[in-house]
Amino acid sequence: MARFRFLSNHGLALLTIAHDPTARMRDIAAAVGITERAAQRIVADLIAADYVTRERSGRRNMYTVRTDLSIGLPTQRDIDLGSLLGVLLPPGTSNERRGLMDREPQS
């Protein structure tokens, strides 16, 4: 029987990237408990949905989480991704220290 998780693999990968924007695919896979190939598909999904952007930095990728985007909730009460990450990530994570979270004021 599969173990129960509150967050999907997509959510766990997003948290891993938010915590360490320079995480390698093997780091993301290990943190989530999936294969590297599955991690590649999930990161591609997150990029395609515009929740994450990727930029090459030498031989490494640098990810940025788009915290200004809202996440669709079934209760019709959308919240922005930054608010959710603020609850789930410990204070002083890599994104906060480096100022990489794209928080934009809501109009």
C-alpha atoms as a PDB file:
ATOM      1  CA  MET A   1       0.000   0.000   0.000  1.00  0.00           C
ATOM      2  CA  ALA A   2       1.321   3.464  -0.952  1.00  0.00           C
ATOM      3  CA  ARG A   3       2.136   5.781   1.909  1.00  0.00           C
ATOM      4  CA  PHE A   4      -0.160   8.734   2.482  1.00  0.00           C
ATOM      5  CA  ARG A   5       1.071  12.261   1.694  1.00  0.00           C
ATOM      6  CA  PHE A   6      -0.709  15.569   2.050  1.00  0.00           C
ATOM      7  CA  LEU A   7       1.158  17.037  -0.934  1.00  0.00           C
ATOM      8  CA  SER A   8       1.492  15.573  -4.413  1.00  0.00           C
ATOM      9  CA  ASN A   9       4.870  14.912  -6.006  1.00  0.00           C
ATOM     10  CA  HIS A  10       4.411  18.181  -7.915  1.00  0.00           C
ATOM     11  CA  GLY A  11       3.922  20.054  -4.648  1.00  0.00           C
ATOM     12  CA  LEU A  12       6.929  18.390  -3.038  1.00  0.00           C
ATOM     13  CA  ALA A  13       9.119  19.169  -6.057  1.00  0.00           C
ATOM     14  CA  LEU A  14       7.981  22.793  -5.950  1.00  0.00           C
ATOM     15  CA  LEU A  15       8.872  23.005  -2.254  1.00  0.00           C
ATOM     16  CA  THR A  16      12.289  21.509  -2.971  1.00  0.00           C
ATOM     17  CA  ILE A  17      12.941  24.070  -5.697  1.00  0.00           C
ATOM     18  CA  ALA A  18      11.687  26.930  -3.503  1.00  0.00           C
ATOM     19  CA  HIS A  19      14.009  25.792  -0.721  1.00  0.00           C
ATOM     20  CA  ASP A  20      17.029  25.421  -3.039  1.00  0.00           C
ATOM     21  CA  PRO A  21      16.779  27.176  -6.433  1.00  0.00           C
ATOM     22  CA  THR A  22      20.014  25.496  -7.571  1.00  0.00           C
ATOM     23  CA  ALA A  23      18.847  21.956  -6.795  1.00  0.00           C
ATOM     24  CA  ARG A  24      19.928  19.371  -9.342  1.00  0.00           C
ATOM     25  CA  MET A  25      17.423  16.944 -10.794  1.00  0.00           C
ATOM     26  CA  ARG A  26      18.890  14.146  -8.662  1.00  0.00           C
ATOM     27  CA  ASP A  27      18.425  16.332  -5.552  1.00  0.00           C
ATOM     28  CA  ILE A  28      14.778  16.974  -6.425  1.00  0.00           C
ATOM     29  CA  ALA A  29      14.202  13.278  -7.143  1.00  0.00           C
ATOM     30  CA  ALA A  30      15.798  12.235  -3.843  1.00  0.00           C
ATOM     31  CA  ALA A  31      13.840  14.799  -1.834  1.00  0.00           C
ATOM     32  CA  VAL A  32      10.535  13.687  -3.346  1.00  0.00           C
ATOM     33  CA  GLY A  33      11.375   9.974  -3.416  1.00  0.00           C
ATOM     34  CA  ILE A  34      10.965   9.489  -7.170  1.00  0.00           C
ATOM     35  CA  THR A  35      13.209   8.712 -10.134  1.00  0.00           C
ATOM     36  CA  GLU A  36      15.199  11.424 -11.892  1.00  0.00           C
ATOM     37  CA  ARG A  37      13.104  10.910 -15.016  1.00  0.00           C
ATOM     38  CA  ALA A  38       9.895  11.471 -13.042  1.00  0.00           C
ATOM     39  CA  ALA A  39      11.460  14.587 -11.491  1.00  0.00           C
ATOM     40  CA  GLN A  40      12.290  15.884 -14.990  1.00  0.00           C
ATOM     41  CA  ARG A  41       8.658  15.449 -16.070  1.00  0.00           C
ATOM     42  CA  ILE A  42       7.362  17.188 -12.950  1.00  0.00           C
ATOM     43  CA  VAL A  43       9.759  20.138 -13.306  1.00  0.00           C
ATOM     44  CA  ALA A  44       8.758  20.415 -16.979  1.00  0.00           C
ATOM     45  CA  ASP A  45       5.090  20.477 -15.875  1.00  0.00           C
ATOM     46  CA  LEU A  46       5.826  23.236 -13.330  1.00  0.00           C
ATOM     47  CA  ILE A  47       7.664  25.265 -15.987  1.00  0.00           C
ATOM     48  CA  ALA A  48       4.888  24.741 -18.552  1.00  0.00           C
ATOM     49  CA  ALA A  49       2.322  25.938 -15.991  1.00  0.00           C
ATOM     50  CA  ASP A  50       4.507  29.034 -15.325  1.00  0.00           C
ATOM     51  CA  TYR A  51       4.909  28.237 -11.619  1.00  0.00           C
ATOM     52  CA  VAL A  52       8.680  27.908 -12.119  1.00  0.00           C
ATOM     53  CA  THR A  53      11.156  29.504 -14.517  1.00  0.00           C
ATOM     54  CA  ARG A  54      14.546  28.029 -15.381  1.00  0.00           C
ATOM     55  CA  GLU A  55      17.719  29.842 -16.331  1.00  0.00           C
ATOM     56  CA  ARG A  56      21.092  28.319 -17.150  1.00  0.00           C
ATOM     57  CA  SER A  57      23.983  29.394 -14.930  1.00  0.00           C
ATOM     58  CA  GLY A  58      27.096  27.770 -16.334  1.00  0.00           C
ATOM     59  CA  ARG A  59      26.458  24.030 -16.241  1.00  0.00           C
ATOM     60  CA  ARG A  60      23.673  24.323 -13.650  1.00  0.00           C
ATOM     61  CA  ASN A  61      20.064  25.406 -13.729  1.00  0.00           C
ATOM     62  CA  MET A  62      18.770  28.222 -11.550  1.00  0.00           C
ATOM     63  CA  TYR A  63      15.052  28.037 -10.800  1.00  0.00           C
ATOM     64  CA  THR A  64      12.748  30.839  -9.728  1.00  0.00           C
ATOM     65  CA  VAL A  65       9.342  30.178  -8.201  1.00  0.00           C
ATOM     66  CA  ARG A  66       6.569  32.501  -9.423  1.00  0.00           C
ATOM     67  CA  THR A  67       4.980  33.220  -6.062  1.00  0.00           C
ATOM     68  CA  ASP A  68       2.651  35.870  -7.490  1.00  0.00           C
ATOM     69  CA  LEU A  69       0.512  33.269  -9.266  1.00  0.00           C
ATOM     70  CA  SER A  70      -2.637  32.004  -7.631  1.00  0.00           C
ATOM     71  CA  ILE A  71      -3.246  28.338  -7.039  1.00  0.00           C
ATOM     72  CA  GLY A  72      -6.681  27.053  -7.890  1.00  0.00           C
ATOM     73  CA  LEU A  73      -8.461  25.643  -4.874  1.00  0.00           C
ATOM     74  CA  PRO A  74     -11.662  23.627  -5.114  1.00  0.00           C
ATOM     75  CA  THR A  75     -13.305  25.929  -2.561  1.00  0.00           C
ATOM     76  CA  GLN A  76     -13.194  28.863  -5.032  1.00  0.00           C
ATOM     77  CA  ARG A  77     -10.848  30.666  -2.622  1.00  0.00           C
ATOM     78  CA  ASP A  78      -7.645  31.189  -4.544  1.00  0.00           C
ATOM     79  CA  ILE A  79      -4.510  32.150  -2.697  1.00  0.00           C
ATOM     80  CA  ASP A  80      -1.171  33.136  -4.157  1.00  0.00           C
ATOM     81  CA  LEU A  81       1.653  30.629  -4.206  1.00  0.00           C
ATOM     82  CA  GLY A  82       3.842  32.888  -2.054  1.00  0.00           C
ATOM     83  CA  SER A  83       1.353  32.686   0.817  1.00  0.00           C
ATOM     84  CA  LEU A  84       1.322  28.900   0.645  1.00  0.00           C
ATOM     85  CA  LEU A  85       5.120  28.669   0.507  1.00  0.00           C
ATOM     86  CA  GLY A  86       5.353  31.102   3.408  1.00  0.00           C
ATOM     87  CA  VAL A  87       3.473  28.578   5.525  1.00  0.00           C
ATOM     88  CA  LEU A  88       5.229  25.451   4.263  1.00  0.00           C
ATOM     89  CA  LEU A  89       8.855  26.620   4.076  1.00  0.00           C
ATOM     90  CA  PRO A  90      10.931  27.377   7.159  1.00  0.00           C
ATOM     91  CA  PRO A  91      12.001  31.007   7.643  1.00  0.00           C
ATOM     92  CA  GLY A  92      15.305  31.941   6.018  1.00  0.00           C
ATOM     93  CA  THR A  93      15.132  29.501   3.109  1.00  0.00           C
ATOM     94  CA  SER A  94      17.337  29.974   0.056  1.00  0.00           C
ATOM     95  CA  ASN A  95      14.701  31.896  -1.892  1.00  0.00           C
ATOM     96  CA  GLU A  96      14.157  34.413   0.903  1.00  0.00           C
ATOM     97  CA  ARG A  97      17.890  34.950   1.476  1.00  0.00           C
ATOM     98  CA  ARG A  98      18.602  35.435  -2.221  1.00  0.00           C
ATOM     99  CA  GLY A  99      15.468  37.459  -2.945  1.00  0.00           C
ATOM    100  CA  LEU A 100      14.508  35.115  -5.785  1.00  0.00           C
ATOM    101  CA  MET A 101      10.803  34.849  -5.063  1.00  0.00           C
ATOM    102  CA  ASP A 102       8.892  36.914  -7.602  1.00  0.00           C
ATOM    103  CA  ARG A 103       6.328  38.409  -5.267  1.00  0.00           C
ATOM    104  CA  GLU A 104       4.425  41.102  -7.089  1.00  0.00           C
ATOM    105  CA  PRO A 105       1.721  43.188  -5.459  1.00  0.00           C
ATOM    106  CA  GLN A 106      -1.800  42.106  -6.283  1.00  0.00           C
ATOM    107  CA  SER A 107      -3.870  44.789  -7.998  1.00  0.00           C
END
